[in-house]
Amino acid sequence: MMPHDPKDDIANEWFNELLAKLRFEQDYYIFPGTHKDMLDKDGEKEGIEITRADVRLYSTGVRKLYDMIVVGIDLPKTEYTDLETKAQYDQIKKRFPEAF
């Protein structure tokens, strides 16, 4: 692995901002890697921030990234219900038990 470059942090932050505008399991999927929990103002988990992982982009996600980066369309952040978030988390645990 290459030594840490501070530009990596900037790039990860930029990518996570874009990823938050895509729909998990429709536009992309995350495979086990390094991440940290994203907490809301009350300290409750509201998602994960990818710091080093395998992200598989689907064609819909590639198109949305193109729209944001090249065309300049500002998409809103994707919102999930508590039930959707729990179902996603449960599916990841089921699919990758070794990550937990």
C-alpha atoms as a PDB file:
ATOM      1  CA  MET A   1       0.000   0.000   0.000  1.00  0.00           C
ATOM      2  CA  MET A   2       1.240   3.483  -0.801  1.00  0.00           C
ATOM      3  CA  PRO A   3       2.012   5.929   1.990  1.00  0.00           C
ATOM      4  CA  HIS A   4      -0.819   8.200   3.053  1.00  0.00           C
ATOM      5  CA  ASP A   5      -1.139  11.382   1.037  1.00  0.00           C
ATOM      6  CA  PRO A   6      -3.254  14.225   2.488  1.00  0.00           C
ATOM      7  CA  LYS A   7      -4.833  14.561  -0.956  1.00  0.00           C
ATOM      8  CA  ASP A   8      -6.407  11.132  -0.311  1.00  0.00           C
ATOM      9  CA  ASP A   9      -8.495  12.661   2.487  1.00  0.00           C
ATOM     10  CA  ILE A  10      -9.688  15.465   0.218  1.00  0.00           C
ATOM     11  CA  ALA A  11     -10.539  12.992  -2.558  1.00  0.00           C
ATOM     12  CA  ASN A  12     -12.400  10.679  -0.130  1.00  0.00           C
ATOM     13  CA  GLU A  13     -14.433  13.599   1.215  1.00  0.00           C
ATOM     14  CA  TRP A  14     -15.294  14.699  -2.340  1.00  0.00           C
ATOM     15  CA  PHE A  15     -16.291  11.162  -3.358  1.00  0.00           C
ATOM     16  CA  ASN A  16     -18.406  10.621  -0.240  1.00  0.00           C
ATOM     17  CA  GLU A  17     -20.310  13.841  -0.975  1.00  0.00           C
ATOM     18  CA  LEU A  18     -21.117  12.517  -4.450  1.00  0.00           C
ATOM     19  CA  LEU A  19     -21.896   9.017  -3.174  1.00  0.00           C
ATOM     20  CA  ALA A  20     -24.442  10.455  -0.728  1.00  0.00           C
ATOM     21  CA  LYS A  21     -26.446  11.591  -3.752  1.00  0.00           C
ATOM     22  CA  LEU A  22     -26.620   8.108  -5.253  1.00  0.00           C
ATOM     23  CA  ARG A  23     -29.019   5.372  -4.224  1.00  0.00           C
ATOM     24  CA  PHE A  24     -27.451   2.383  -2.452  1.00  0.00           C
ATOM     25  CA  GLU A  25     -28.126  -0.962  -4.202  1.00  0.00           C
ATOM     26  CA  GLN A  26     -29.617   0.857  -7.208  1.00  0.00           C
ATOM     27  CA  ASP A  27     -26.704   3.078  -8.263  1.00  0.00           C
ATOM     28  CA  TYR A  28     -23.853   1.470  -6.332  1.00  0.00           C
ATOM     29  CA  TYR A  29     -22.895  -1.191  -3.828  1.00  0.00           C
ATOM     30  CA  ILE A  30     -20.203  -1.159  -1.163  1.00  0.00           C
ATOM     31  CA  PHE A  31     -18.051  -4.198  -0.500  1.00  0.00           C
ATOM     32  CA  PRO A  32     -16.144  -4.687   2.776  1.00  0.00           C
ATOM     33  CA  GLY A  33     -13.373  -2.213   3.317  1.00  0.00           C
ATOM     34  CA  THR A  34     -12.504   0.580   5.693  1.00  0.00           C
ATOM     35  CA  HIS A  35     -15.269   2.909   6.725  1.00  0.00           C
ATOM     36  CA  LYS A  36     -16.433   4.913   9.695  1.00  0.00           C
ATOM     37  CA  ASP A  37     -19.924   5.540  10.983  1.00  0.00           C
ATOM     38  CA  MET A  38     -21.607   8.835  10.140  1.00  0.00           C
ATOM     39  CA  LEU A  39     -23.439  10.198  13.170  1.00  0.00           C
ATOM     40  CA  ASP A  40     -26.219  12.743  13.321  1.00  0.00           C
ATOM     41  CA  LYS A  41     -26.232  15.679  15.752  1.00  0.00           C
ATOM     42  CA  ASP A  42     -27.595  13.389  18.499  1.00  0.00           C
ATOM     43  CA  GLY A  43     -24.826  10.841  18.023  1.00  0.00           C
ATOM     44  CA  GLU A  44     -27.088   8.319  16.291  1.00  0.00           C
ATOM     45  CA  LYS A  45     -25.721   6.388  13.312  1.00  0.00           C
ATOM     46  CA  GLU A  46     -27.147   7.698  10.050  1.00  0.00           C
ATOM     47  CA  GLY A  47     -24.872   5.957   7.583  1.00  0.00           C
ATOM     48  CA  ILE A  48     -21.287   5.083   6.803  1.00  0.00           C
ATOM     49  CA  GLU A  49     -18.494   7.135   5.280  1.00  0.00           C
ATOM     50  CA  ILE A  50     -16.215   5.198   2.988  1.00  0.00           C
ATOM     51  CA  THR A  51     -12.543   5.743   3.716  1.00  0.00           C
ATOM     52  CA  ARG A  52     -11.168   2.791   1.774  1.00  0.00           C
ATOM     53  CA  ALA A  53     -13.440   0.221   0.190  1.00  0.00           C
ATOM     54  CA  ASP A  54     -14.525  -1.408  -3.000  1.00  0.00           C
ATOM     55  CA  VAL A  55     -17.414   0.507  -4.491  1.00  0.00           C
ATOM     56  CA  ARG A  56     -19.145  -1.043  -7.475  1.00  0.00           C
ATOM     57  CA  LEU A  57     -20.903   1.533  -9.627  1.00  0.00           C
ATOM     58  CA  TYR A  58     -23.882   0.429 -11.649  1.00  0.00           C
ATOM     59  CA  SER A  59     -24.782   2.126 -14.926  1.00  0.00           C
ATOM     60  CA  THR A  60     -27.379   4.326 -13.215  1.00  0.00           C
ATOM     61  CA  GLY A  61     -24.726   5.500 -10.760  1.00  0.00           C
ATOM     62  CA  VAL A  62     -22.231   6.202 -13.527  1.00  0.00           C
ATOM     63  CA  ARG A  63     -24.872   8.282 -15.298  1.00  0.00           C
ATOM     64  CA  LYS A  64     -25.644  10.271 -12.145  1.00  0.00           C
ATOM     65  CA  LEU A  65     -21.924  10.870 -11.518  1.00  0.00           C
ATOM     66  CA  TYR A  66     -21.587  12.081 -15.105  1.00  0.00           C
ATOM     67  CA  ASP A  67     -24.537  14.420 -14.614  1.00  0.00           C
ATOM     68  CA  MET A  68     -23.016  15.847 -11.426  1.00  0.00           C
ATOM     69  CA  ILE A  69     -19.372  16.104 -12.489  1.00  0.00           C
ATOM     70  CA  VAL A  70     -19.527  16.836 -16.212  1.00  0.00           C
ATOM     71  CA  VAL A  71     -22.943  18.388 -16.773  1.00  0.00           C
ATOM     72  CA  GLY A  72     -23.006  20.224 -13.435  1.00  0.00           C
ATOM     73  CA  ILE A  73     -26.387  19.027 -12.178  1.00  0.00           C
ATOM     74  CA  ASP A  74     -26.610  19.275  -8.387  1.00  0.00           C
ATOM     75  CA  LEU A  75     -28.578  16.249  -7.195  1.00  0.00           C
ATOM     76  CA  PRO A  76     -30.053  16.211  -3.688  1.00  0.00           C
ATOM     77  CA  LYS A  77     -28.644  13.979  -0.975  1.00  0.00           C
ATOM     78  CA  THR A  78     -30.422  10.618  -0.947  1.00  0.00           C
ATOM     79  CA  GLU A  79     -32.607  10.144   2.106  1.00  0.00           C
ATOM     80  CA  TYR A  80     -33.546   6.747   3.505  1.00  0.00           C
ATOM     81  CA  THR A  81     -36.202   5.819   6.007  1.00  0.00           C
ATOM     82  CA  ASP A  82     -35.123   4.108   9.221  1.00  0.00           C
ATOM     83  CA  LEU A  83     -36.639   0.888   7.873  1.00  0.00           C
ATOM     84  CA  GLU A  84     -34.620   1.139   4.627  1.00  0.00           C
ATOM     85  CA  THR A  85     -31.420   1.854   6.538  1.00  0.00           C
ATOM     86  CA  LYS A  86     -31.972  -1.144   8.813  1.00  0.00           C
ATOM     87  CA  ALA A  87     -32.753  -3.415   5.837  1.00  0.00           C
ATOM     88  CA  GLN A  88     -29.578  -2.278   4.054  1.00  0.00           C
ATOM     89  CA  TYR A  89     -27.460  -2.856   7.142  1.00  0.00           C
ATOM     90  CA  ASP A  90     -29.008  -6.287   7.721  1.00  0.00           C
ATOM     91  CA  GLN A  91     -28.393  -7.246   4.083  1.00  0.00           C
ATOM     92  CA  ILE A  92     -24.728  -6.210   4.315  1.00  0.00           C
ATOM     93  CA  LYS A  93     -24.314  -8.208   7.556  1.00  0.00           C
ATOM     94  CA  LYS A  94     -25.898 -11.230   5.907  1.00  0.00           C
ATOM     95  CA  ARG A  95     -23.794 -10.928   2.762  1.00  0.00           C
ATOM     96  CA  PHE A  96     -20.468 -10.177   4.512  1.00  0.00           C
ATOM     97  CA  PRO A  97     -20.593 -11.681   8.029  1.00  0.00           C
ATOM     98  CA  GLU A  98     -16.782 -11.663   8.193  1.00  0.00           C
ATOM     99  CA  ALA A  99     -16.860  -7.846   8.178  1.00  0.00           C
ATOM    100  CA  PHE A 100     -18.776  -7.831  11.444  1.00  0.00           C
END
